PDB file of N, CA and C in Angstrom:
ATOM      1  N   MET A   1      94.345 190.121  18.190  1.00  0.00           N
ATOM      2  CA  MET A   1      94.148 189.952  19.606  1.00  0.00           C
ATOM      3  C   MET A   1      94.780 191.122  20.356  1.00  0.00           C
ATOM      4  N   GLN A   2      94.134 191.544  21.397  1.00  0.00           N
ATOM      5  CA  GLN A   2      94.591 192.680  22.185  1.00  0.00           C
ATOM      6  C   GLN A   2      95.873 192.336  22.946  1.00  0.00           C
ATOM      7  N   GLN A   3      96.820 193.258  22.922  1.00  0.00           N
ATOM      8  CA  GLN A   3      98.085 193.099  23.640  1.00  0.00           C
ATOM      9  C   GLN A   3      97.906 193.517  25.100  1.00  0.00           C
ATOM     10  N   GLY A   4      98.781 193.014  25.955  1.00  0.00           N
ATOM     11  CA  GLY A   4      98.800 193.441  27.343  1.00  0.00           C
ATOM     12  C   GLY A   4      98.128 192.462  28.278  1.00  0.00           C
ATOM     13  N   SER A   5      97.861 192.938  29.475  1.00  0.00           N
ATOM     14  CA  SER A   5      97.271 192.109  30.524  1.00  0.00           C
ATOM     15  C   SER A   5      95.761 192.254  30.528  1.00  0.00           C
ATOM     16  N   LYS A   6      95.105 191.173  30.893  1.00  0.00           N
ATOM     17  CA  LYS A   6      93.644 191.146  30.903  1.00  0.00           C
ATOM     18  C   LYS A   6      93.196 190.123  31.941  1.00  0.00           C
ATOM     19  N   ILE A   7      92.098 190.403  32.612  1.00  0.00           N
ATOM     20  CA  ILE A   7      91.497 189.452  33.539  1.00  0.00           C
ATOM     21  C   ILE A   7      90.315 188.795  32.834  1.00  0.00           C
ATOM     22  N   LEU A   8      90.352 187.472  32.739  1.00  0.00           N
ATOM     23  CA  LEU A   8      89.238 186.724  32.157  1.00  0.00           C
ATOM     24  C   LEU A   8      88.318 186.252  33.272  1.00  0.00           C
ATOM     25  N   THR A   9      87.012 186.327  33.048  1.00  0.00           N
ATOM     26  CA  THR A   9      86.044 185.737  33.957  1.00  0.00           C
ATOM     27  C   THR A   9      85.594 184.421  33.348  1.00  0.00           C
ATOM     28  N   LEU A  10      85.841 183.344  34.067  1.00  0.00           N
ATOM     29  CA  LEU A  10      85.467 182.023  33.581  1.00  0.00           C
ATOM     30  C   LEU A  10      83.984 181.761  33.812  1.00  0.00           C
ATOM     31  N   ASN A  11      83.477 180.739  33.174  1.00  0.00           N
ATOM     32  CA  ASN A  11      82.072 180.361  33.353  1.00  0.00           C
ATOM     33  C   ASN A  11      81.769 179.995  34.803  1.00  0.00           C
ATOM     34  N   ASN A  12      82.784 179.561  35.554  1.00  0.00           N
ATOM     35  CA  ASN A  12      82.588 179.221  36.970  1.00  0.00           C
ATOM     36  C   ASN A  12      82.733 180.448  37.877  1.00  0.00           C
ATOM     37  N   VAL A  13      82.816 181.632  37.300  1.00  0.00           N
ATOM     38  CA  VAL A  13      82.922 182.967  37.913  1.00  0.00           C
ATOM     39  C   VAL A  13      84.289 183.286  38.526  1.00  0.00           C
ATOM     40  N   PHE A  14      85.239 182.375  38.484  1.00  0.00           N
ATOM     41  CA  PHE A  14      86.591 182.705  38.924  1.00  0.00           C
ATOM     42  C   PHE A  14      87.262 183.583  37.870  1.00  0.00           C
ATOM     43  N   HIS A  15      88.268 184.322  38.307  1.00  0.00           N
ATOM     44  CA  HIS A  15      88.993 185.245  37.435  1.00  0.00           C
ATOM     45  C   HIS A  15      90.433 184.785  37.259  1.00  0.00           C
ATOM     46  N   LEU A  16      90.903 184.835  36.000  1.00  0.00           N
ATOM     47  CA  LEU A  16      92.274 184.445  35.689  1.00  0.00           C
ATOM     48  C   LEU A  16      93.008 185.606  35.034  1.00  0.00           C
ATOM     49  N   PHE A  17      94.251 185.788  35.431  1.00  0.00           N
ATOM     50  CA  PHE A  17      95.132 186.789  34.833  1.00  0.00           C
ATOM     51  C   PHE A  17      95.706 186.233  33.538  1.00  0.00           C
ATOM     52  N   THR A  18      95.679 187.050  32.472  1.00  0.00           N
ATOM     53  CA  THR A  18      96.295 186.673  31.203  1.00  0.00           C
ATOM     54  C   THR A  18      97.173 187.818  30.719  1.00  0.00           C
ATOM     55  N   ARG A  19      98.138 187.475  29.893  1.00  0.00           N
ATOM     56  CA  ARG A  19      99.015 188.485  29.288  1.00  0.00           C
ATOM     57  C   ARG A  19      99.353 188.022  27.882  1.00  0.00           C
ATOM     58  N   THR A  20      99.249 188.950  26.924  1.00  0.00           N
ATOM     59  CA  THR A  20      99.576 188.659  25.531  1.00  0.00           C
ATOM     60  C   THR A  20     100.594 189.682  25.046  1.00  0.00           C
ATOM     61  N   VAL A  21     101.657 189.180  24.408  1.00  0.00           N
ATOM     62  CA  VAL A  21     102.717 190.047  23.882  1.00  0.00           C
ATOM     63  C   VAL A  21     103.097 189.583  22.487  1.00  0.00           C
ATOM     64  N   GLY A  22     103.596 190.517  21.706  1.00  0.00           N
ATOM     65  CA  GLY A  22     104.061 190.188  20.361  1.00  0.00           C
ATOM     66  C   GLY A  22     102.939 190.157  19.344  1.00  0.00           C
ATOM     67  N   GLU A  23     103.334 190.119  18.093  1.00  0.00           N
ATOM     68  CA  GLU A  23     102.383 190.060  16.986  1.00  0.00           C
ATOM     69  C   GLU A  23     102.885 189.046  15.984  1.00  0.00           C
ATOM     70  N   GLY A  24     101.956 188.383  15.337  1.00  0.00           N
ATOM     71  CA  GLY A  24     102.357 187.433  14.310  1.00  0.00           C
ATOM     72  C   GLY A  24     101.266 186.449  13.979  1.00  0.00           C
ATOM     73  N   ASN A  25     101.503 185.696  12.936  1.00  0.00           N
ATOM     74  CA  ASN A  25     100.536 184.696  12.496  1.00  0.00           C
ATOM     75  C   ASN A  25     100.547 183.452  13.370  1.00  0.00           C
ATOM     76  N   VAL A  26     101.658 183.195  14.027  1.00  0.00           N
ATOM     77  CA  VAL A  26     101.755 182.036  14.914  1.00  0.00           C
ATOM     78  C   VAL A  26     101.315 182.472  16.307  1.00  0.00           C
ATOM     79  N   LYS A  27     100.371 181.733  16.885  1.00  0.00           N
ATOM     80  CA  LYS A  27      99.853 182.031  18.221  1.00  0.00           C
ATOM     81  C   LYS A  27     100.314 180.934  19.173  1.00  0.00           C
ATOM     82  N   LEU A  28     100.960 181.328  20.260  1.00  0.00           N
ATOM     83  CA  LEU A  28     101.474 180.384  21.244  1.00  0.00           C
ATOM     84  C   LEU A  28     100.808 180.659  22.585  1.00  0.00           C
ATOM     85  N   LEU A  29     100.172 179.654  23.164  1.00  0.00           N
ATOM     86  CA  LEU A  29      99.573 179.766  24.491  1.00  0.00           C
ATOM     87  C   LEU A  29     100.447 178.966  25.453  1.00  0.00           C
ATOM     88  N   CYS A  30     101.068 179.656  26.391  1.00  0.00           N
ATOM     89  CA  CYS A  30     101.995 179.026  27.333  1.00  0.00           C
ATOM     90  C   CYS A  30     101.256 178.628  28.609  1.00  0.00           C
ATOM     91  N   VAL A  31     101.528 177.421  29.069  1.00  0.00           N
ATOM     92  CA  VAL A  31     100.869 176.869  30.257  1.00  0.00           C
ATOM     93  C   VAL A  31     101.950 176.498  31.274  1.00  0.00           C
ATOM     94  N   HIS A  32     101.902 177.142  32.429  1.00  0.00           N
ATOM     95  CA  HIS A  32     102.906 176.865  33.461  1.00  0.00           C
ATOM     96  C   HIS A  32     102.585 175.572  34.208  1.00  0.00           C
ATOM     97  N   GLY A  33     103.570 175.089  34.933  1.00  0.00           N
ATOM     98  CA  GLY A  33     103.349 173.937  35.801  1.00  0.00           C
ATOM     99  C   GLY A  33     102.530 174.356  37.004  1.00  0.00           C
ATOM    100  N   GLY A  34     101.997 173.403  37.659  1.00  0.00           N
ATOM    101  CA  GLY A  34     101.228 173.807  38.819  1.00  0.00           C
ATOM    102  C   GLY A  34     100.334 172.699  39.330  1.00  0.00           C
ATOM    103  N   PRO A  35      99.474 173.091  40.205  1.00  0.00           N
ATOM    104  CA  PRO A  35      99.257 174.472  40.623  1.00  0.00           C
ATOM    105  C   PRO A  35     100.433 175.016  41.440  1.00  0.00           C
ATOM    106  N   GLY A  36     100.582 176.314  41.361  1.00  0.00           N
ATOM    107  CA  GLY A  36     101.591 176.968  42.174  1.00  0.00           C
ATOM    108  C   GLY A  36     102.597 177.804  41.420  1.00  0.00           C
ATOM    109  N   SER A  37     102.886 177.471  40.189  1.00  0.00           N
ATOM    110  CA  SER A  37     103.808 178.282  39.404  1.00  0.00           C
ATOM    111  C   SER A  37     103.026 179.467  38.834  1.00  0.00           C
ATOM    112  N   ASN A  38     103.596 180.195  37.860  1.00  0.00           N
ATOM    113  CA  ASN A  38     102.866 181.323  37.280  1.00  0.00           C
ATOM    114  C   ASN A  38     103.406 181.663  35.896  1.00  0.00           C
ATOM    115  N   HIS A  39     102.780 182.655  35.279  1.00  0.00           N
ATOM    116  CA  HIS A  39     103.097 183.052  33.904  1.00  0.00           C
ATOM    117  C   HIS A  39     104.490 183.648  33.739  1.00  0.00           C
ATOM    118  N   GLU A  40     105.113 184.106  34.815  1.00  0.00           N
ATOM    119  CA  GLU A  40     106.362 184.860  34.699  1.00  0.00           C
ATOM    120  C   GLU A  40     107.491 184.087  34.023  1.00  0.00           C
ATOM    121  N   GLU A  41     107.437 182.763  34.052  1.00  0.00           N
ATOM    122  CA  GLU A  41     108.502 181.993  33.403  1.00  0.00           C
ATOM    123  C   GLU A  41     108.485 182.174  31.890  1.00  0.00           C
ATOM    124  N   PHE A  42     107.410 182.749  31.352  1.00  0.00           N
ATOM    125  CA  PHE A  42     107.286 182.957  29.907  1.00  0.00           C
ATOM    126  C   PHE A  42     107.433 184.421  29.496  1.00  0.00           C
ATOM    127  N   GLU A  43     107.709 185.306  30.440  1.00  0.00           N
ATOM    128  CA  GLU A  43     107.739 186.742  30.152  1.00  0.00           C
ATOM    129  C   GLU A  43     108.718 187.115  29.039  1.00  0.00           C
ATOM    130  N   ASN A  44     109.810 186.414  28.892  1.00  0.00           N
ATOM    131  CA  ASN A  44     110.789 186.775  27.862  1.00  0.00           C
ATOM    132  C   ASN A  44     110.478 186.152  26.500  1.00  0.00           C
ATOM    133  N   PHE A  45     109.476 185.296  26.424  1.00  0.00           N
ATOM    134  CA  PHE A  45     109.166 184.623  25.162  1.00  0.00           C
ATOM    135  C   PHE A  45     108.780 185.602  24.059  1.00  0.00           C
ATOM    136  N   GLY A  46     108.005 186.636  24.389  1.00  0.00           N
ATOM    137  CA  GLY A  46     107.579 187.600  23.376  1.00  0.00           C
ATOM    138  C   GLY A  46     108.750 188.239  22.661  1.00  0.00           C
ATOM    139  N   GLU A  47     109.716 188.694  23.432  1.00  0.00           N
ATOM    140  CA  GLU A  47     110.909 189.325  22.852  1.00  0.00           C
ATOM    141  C   GLU A  47     111.740 188.308  22.071  1.00  0.00           C
ATOM    142  N   GLU A  48     111.922 187.144  22.640  1.00  0.00           N
ATOM    143  CA  GLU A  48     112.752 186.120  22.002  1.00  0.00           C
ATOM    144  C   GLU A  48     112.122 185.573  20.716  1.00  0.00           C
ATOM    145  N   LEU A  49     110.795 185.517  20.665  1.00  0.00           N
ATOM    146  CA  LEU A  49     110.113 184.928  19.507  1.00  0.00           C
ATOM    147  C   LEU A  49     109.615 185.960  18.499  1.00  0.00           C
ATOM    148  N   ALA A  50     109.826 187.247  18.781  1.00  0.00           N
ATOM    149  CA  ALA A  50     109.351 188.303  17.879  1.00  0.00           C
ATOM    150  C   ALA A  50     109.905 188.146  16.473  1.00  0.00           C
ATOM    151  N   LYS A  51     111.160 187.768  16.357  1.00  0.00           N
ATOM    152  CA  LYS A  51     111.772 187.626  15.029  1.00  0.00           C
ATOM    153  C   LYS A  51     111.131 186.509  14.214  1.00  0.00           C
ATOM    154  N   TYR A  52     110.399 185.630  14.895  1.00  0.00           N
ATOM    155  CA  TYR A  52     109.694 184.544  14.208  1.00  0.00           C
ATOM    156  C   TYR A  52     108.209 184.866  14.012  1.00  0.00           C
ATOM    157  N   HIS A  53     107.816 186.094  14.373  1.00  0.00           N
ATOM    158  CA  HIS A  53     106.431 186.558  14.222  1.00  0.00           C
ATOM    159  C   HIS A  53     105.459 185.688  15.021  1.00  0.00           C
ATOM    160  N   VAL A  54     105.804 185.493  16.289  1.00  0.00           N
ATOM    161  CA  VAL A  54     104.985 184.688  17.195  1.00  0.00           C
ATOM    162  C   VAL A  54     104.325 185.603  18.220  1.00  0.00           C
ATOM    163  N   GLN A  55     103.014 185.460  18.358  1.00  0.00           N
ATOM    164  CA  GLN A  55     102.286 186.151  19.416  1.00  0.00           C
ATOM    165  C   GLN A  55     102.192 185.189  20.600  1.00  0.00           C
ATOM    166  N   VAL A  56     102.605 185.642  21.765  1.00  0.00           N
ATOM    167  CA  VAL A  56     102.675 184.788  22.947  1.00  0.00           C
ATOM    168  C   VAL A  56     101.602 185.203  23.951  1.00  0.00           C
ATOM    169  N   SER A  57     100.763 184.246  24.327  1.00  0.00           N
ATOM    170  CA  SER A  57      99.779 184.455  25.386  1.00  0.00           C
ATOM    171  C   SER A  57     100.138 183.538  26.542  1.00  0.00           C
ATOM    172  N   MET A  58      99.943 184.027  27.743  1.00  0.00           N
ATOM    173  CA  MET A  58     100.238 183.252  28.947  1.00  0.00           C
ATOM    174  C   MET A  58      99.185 183.585  29.987  1.00  0.00           C
ATOM    175  N   TYR A  59      99.031 182.726  30.961  1.00  0.00           N
ATOM    176  CA  TYR A  59      98.053 183.006  32.013  1.00  0.00           C
ATOM    177  C   TYR A  59      98.456 182.317  33.306  1.00  0.00           C
ATOM    178  N   ASP A  60      97.856 182.781  34.394  1.00  0.00           N
ATOM    179  CA  ASP A  60      98.033 182.141  35.696  1.00  0.00           C
ATOM    180  C   ASP A  60      96.820 181.257  35.946  1.00  0.00           C
ATOM    181  N   GLN A  61      97.076 179.983  36.165  1.00  0.00           N
ATOM    182  CA  GLN A  61      95.994 179.044  36.432  1.00  0.00           C
ATOM    183  C   GLN A  61      95.291 179.408  37.736  1.00  0.00           C
ATOM    184  N   LEU A  62      94.083 178.895  37.895  1.00  0.00           N
ATOM    185  CA  LEU A  62      93.342 179.107  39.133  1.00  0.00           C
ATOM    186  C   LEU A  62      94.214 178.692  40.319  1.00  0.00           C
ATOM    187  N   GLY A  63      94.295 179.573  41.309  1.00  0.00           N
ATOM    188  CA  GLY A  63      95.103 179.303  42.490  1.00  0.00           C
ATOM    189  C   GLY A  63      96.529 179.797  42.381  1.00  0.00           C
ATOM    190  N   SER A  64      96.865 180.442  41.276  1.00  0.00           N
ATOM    191  CA  SER A  64      98.241 180.878  41.048  1.00  0.00           C
ATOM    192  C   SER A  64      98.341 182.390  40.907  1.00  0.00           C
ATOM    193  N   PHE A  65      99.301 182.974  41.560  1.00  0.00           N
ATOM    194  CA  PHE A  65      99.759 184.349  41.418  1.00  0.00           C
ATOM    195  C   PHE A  65      98.629 185.369  41.316  1.00  0.00           C
ATOM    196  N   TYR A  66      98.407 185.986  40.145  1.00  0.00           N
ATOM    197  CA  TYR A  66      97.423 187.060  40.001  1.00  0.00           C
ATOM    198  C   TYR A  66      95.999 186.556  39.794  1.00  0.00           C
ATOM    199  N   SER A  67      95.797 185.275  39.589  1.00  0.00           N
ATOM    200  CA  SER A  67      94.451 184.728  39.400  1.00  0.00           C
ATOM    201  C   SER A  67      93.798 184.475  40.759  1.00  0.00           C
ATOM    202  N   ASP A  68      92.478 184.261  40.727  1.00  0.00           N
ATOM    203  CA  ASP A  68      91.773 183.959  41.974  1.00  0.00           C
ATOM    204  C   ASP A  68      92.409 182.762  42.667  1.00  0.00           C
ATOM    205  N   GLN A  69      92.366 182.816  43.993  1.00  0.00           N
ATOM    206  CA  GLN A  69      92.950 181.750  44.801  1.00  0.00           C
ATOM    207  C   GLN A  69      91.914 181.248  45.798  1.00  0.00           C
ATOM    208  N   PRO A  70      91.079 180.320  45.347  1.00  0.00           N
ATOM    209  CA  PRO A  70      90.051 179.803  46.248  1.00  0.00           C
ATOM    210  C   PRO A  70      90.678 179.006  47.397  1.00  0.00           C
ATOM    211  N   ASP A  71      89.912 178.838  48.437  1.00  0.00           N
ATOM    212  CA  ASP A  71      90.345 178.033  49.579  1.00  0.00           C
ATOM    213  C   ASP A  71      90.227 176.560  49.194  1.00  0.00           C
ATOM    214  N   PHE A  72      91.353 175.957  48.825  1.00  0.00           N
ATOM    215  CA  PHE A  72      91.326 174.566  48.385  1.00  0.00           C
ATOM    216  C   PHE A  72      91.166 173.584  49.543  1.00  0.00           C
ATOM    217  N   THR A  73      91.185 174.070  50.789  1.00  0.00           N
ATOM    218  CA  THR A  73      90.879 173.175  51.904  1.00  0.00           C
ATOM    219  C   THR A  73      89.379 172.967  52.034  1.00  0.00           C
ATOM    220  N   ASP A  74      88.594 173.835  51.409  1.00  0.00           N
ATOM    221  CA  ASP A  74      87.137 173.683  51.380  1.00  0.00           C
ATOM    222  C   ASP A  74      86.804 172.547  50.415  1.00  0.00           C
ATOM    223  N   PRO A  75      86.135 171.505  50.888  1.00  0.00           N
ATOM    224  CA  PRO A  75      85.808 170.376  50.010  1.00  0.00           C
ATOM    225  C   PRO A  75      85.073 170.782  48.733  1.00  0.00           C
ATOM    226  N   ALA A  76      84.299 171.849  48.780  1.00  0.00           N
ATOM    227  CA  ALA A  76      83.567 172.301  47.588  1.00  0.00           C
ATOM    228  C   ALA A  76      84.509 172.798  46.499  1.00  0.00           C
ATOM    229  N   ASN A  77      85.700 173.237  46.870  1.00  0.00           N
ATOM    230  CA  ASN A  77      86.660 173.757  45.891  1.00  0.00           C
ATOM    231  C   ASN A  77      87.676 172.718  45.421  1.00  0.00           C
ATOM    232  N   GLN A  78      87.679 171.558  46.012  1.00  0.00           N
ATOM    233  CA  GLN A  78      88.670 170.550  45.643  1.00  0.00           C
ATOM    234  C   GLN A  78      88.445 169.989  44.246  1.00  0.00           C
ATOM    235  N   LYS A  79      87.257 170.176  43.704  1.00  0.00           N
ATOM    236  CA  LYS A  79      86.997 169.741  42.323  1.00  0.00           C
ATOM    237  C   LYS A  79      87.828 170.541  41.322  1.00  0.00           C
ATOM    238  N   TYR A  80      88.379 171.677  41.766  1.00  0.00           N
ATOM    239  CA  TYR A  80      89.214 172.503  40.891  1.00  0.00           C
ATOM    240  C   TYR A  80      90.688 172.089  40.933  1.00  0.00           C
ATOM    241  N   LEU A  81      90.989 171.033  41.648  1.00  0.00           N
ATOM    242  CA  LEU A  81      92.364 170.532  41.745  1.00  0.00           C
ATOM    243  C   LEU A  81      92.523 169.207  41.009  1.00  0.00           C
ATOM    244  N   THR A  82      91.886 169.089  39.865  1.00  0.00           N
ATOM    245  CA  THR A  82      91.964 167.848  39.096  1.00  0.00           C
ATOM    246  C   THR A  82      92.498 168.135  37.697  1.00  0.00           C
ATOM    247  N   LEU A  83      93.046 167.116  37.088  1.00  0.00           N
ATOM    248  CA  LEU A  83      93.524 167.256  35.715  1.00  0.00           C
ATOM    249  C   LEU A  83      92.375 167.620  34.783  1.00  0.00           C
ATOM    250  N   ASP A  84      91.213 167.000  34.983  1.00  0.00           N
ATOM    251  CA  ASP A  84      90.058 167.319  34.133  1.00  0.00           C
ATOM    252  C   ASP A  84      89.692 168.795  34.231  1.00  0.00           C
ATOM    253  N   TYR A  85      89.725 169.337  35.469  1.00  0.00           N
ATOM    254  CA  TYR A  85      89.412 170.762  35.605  1.00  0.00           C
ATOM    255  C   TYR A  85      90.436 171.608  34.852  1.00  0.00           C
ATOM    256  N   TYR A  86      91.721 171.346  35.051  1.00  0.00           N
ATOM    257  CA  TYR A  86      92.743 172.184  34.416  1.00  0.00           C
ATOM    258  C   TYR A  86      92.714 172.069  32.896  1.00  0.00           C
ATOM    259  N   LEU A  87      92.346 170.917  32.374  1.00  0.00           N
ATOM    260  CA  LEU A  87      92.178 170.793  30.916  1.00  0.00           C
ATOM    261  C   LEU A  87      91.004 171.633  30.434  1.00  0.00           C
ATOM    262  N   SER A  88      89.897 171.607  31.184  1.00  0.00           N
ATOM    263  CA  SER A  88      88.741 172.425  30.782  1.00  0.00           C
ATOM    264  C   SER A  88      89.049 173.911  30.942  1.00  0.00           C
ATOM    265  N   GLU A  89      89.814 174.272  31.966  1.00  0.00           N
ATOM    266  CA  GLU A  89      90.218 175.664  32.156  1.00  0.00           C
ATOM    267  C   GLU A  89      91.069 176.134  30.981  1.00  0.00           C
ATOM    268  N   LEU A  90      92.032 175.320  30.578  1.00  0.00           N
ATOM    269  CA  LEU A  90      92.891 175.647  29.438  1.00  0.00           C
ATOM    270  C   LEU A  90      92.065 175.868  28.177  1.00  0.00           C
ATOM    271  N   GLU A  91      91.107 175.000  27.914  1.00  0.00           N
ATOM    272  CA  GLU A  91      90.261 175.140  26.728  1.00  0.00           C
ATOM    273  C   GLU A  91      89.429 176.420  26.796  1.00  0.00           C
ATOM    274  N   GLU A  92      88.894 176.730  27.967  1.00  0.00           N
ATOM    275  CA  GLU A  92      88.103 177.955  28.102  1.00  0.00           C
ATOM    276  C   GLU A  92      88.974 179.195  27.913  1.00  0.00           C
ATOM    277  N   VAL A  93      90.173 179.193  28.454  1.00  0.00           N
ATOM    278  CA  VAL A  93      91.105 180.312  28.257  1.00  0.00           C
ATOM    279  C   VAL A  93      91.413 180.468  26.773  1.00  0.00           C
ATOM    280  N   ARG A  94      91.717 179.361  26.105  1.00  0.00           N
ATOM    281  CA  ARG A  94      92.017 179.400  24.668  1.00  0.00           C
ATOM    282  C   ARG A  94      90.873 180.043  23.898  1.00  0.00           C
ATOM    283  N   GLN A  95      89.658 179.624  24.197  1.00  0.00           N
ATOM    284  CA  GLN A  95      88.496 180.171  23.497  1.00  0.00           C
ATOM    285  C   GLN A  95      88.297 181.648  23.815  1.00  0.00           C
ATOM    286  N   LYS A  96      88.382 182.015  25.087  1.00  0.00           N
ATOM    287  CA  LYS A  96      88.148 183.412  25.477  1.00  0.00           C
ATOM    288  C   LYS A  96      89.224 184.351  24.933  1.00  0.00           C
ATOM    289  N   LEU A  97      90.423 183.831  24.686  1.00  0.00           N
ATOM    290  CA  LEU A  97      91.476 184.646  24.078  1.00  0.00           C
ATOM    291  C   LEU A  97      91.376 184.653  22.556  1.00  0.00           C
ATOM    292  N   GLY A  98      90.453 183.881  22.011  1.00  0.00           N
ATOM    293  CA  GLY A  98      90.259 183.852  20.562  1.00  0.00           C
ATOM    294  C   GLY A  98      91.359 183.133  19.812  1.00  0.00           C
ATOM    295  N   LEU A  99      91.955 182.135  20.453  1.00  0.00           N
ATOM    296  CA  LEU A  99      93.039 181.381  19.820  1.00  0.00           C
ATOM    297  C   LEU A  99      92.479 180.129  19.161  1.00  0.00           C
ATOM    298  N   ASP A 100      92.845 179.916  17.910  1.00  0.00           N
ATOM    299  CA  ASP A 100      92.377 178.727  17.186  1.00  0.00           C
ATOM    300  C   ASP A 100      93.371 177.603  17.298  1.00  0.00           C
TER     301      ASP A 100
END
């Protein structure tokens, strides 16, 4: 998997910021709280987990930090503020990053 920062385009055409650090057989996808938090709480994981050969991927959920921030006051966008949406977003991110 490619190291560094990358913008993913989701099937719903929104864009999410992702970052991958470290190398190893163990792949860890970090999910922040939210909406409203961001990937930065995991920035030190790559360095801390390197000795365990862990590759760390993190991302900003829709509406957070470097990812697209739709107008959630628009009723058409409120469907993106549900647990079902965030679960589907997580699965799509996992697939697009090539994580098994």
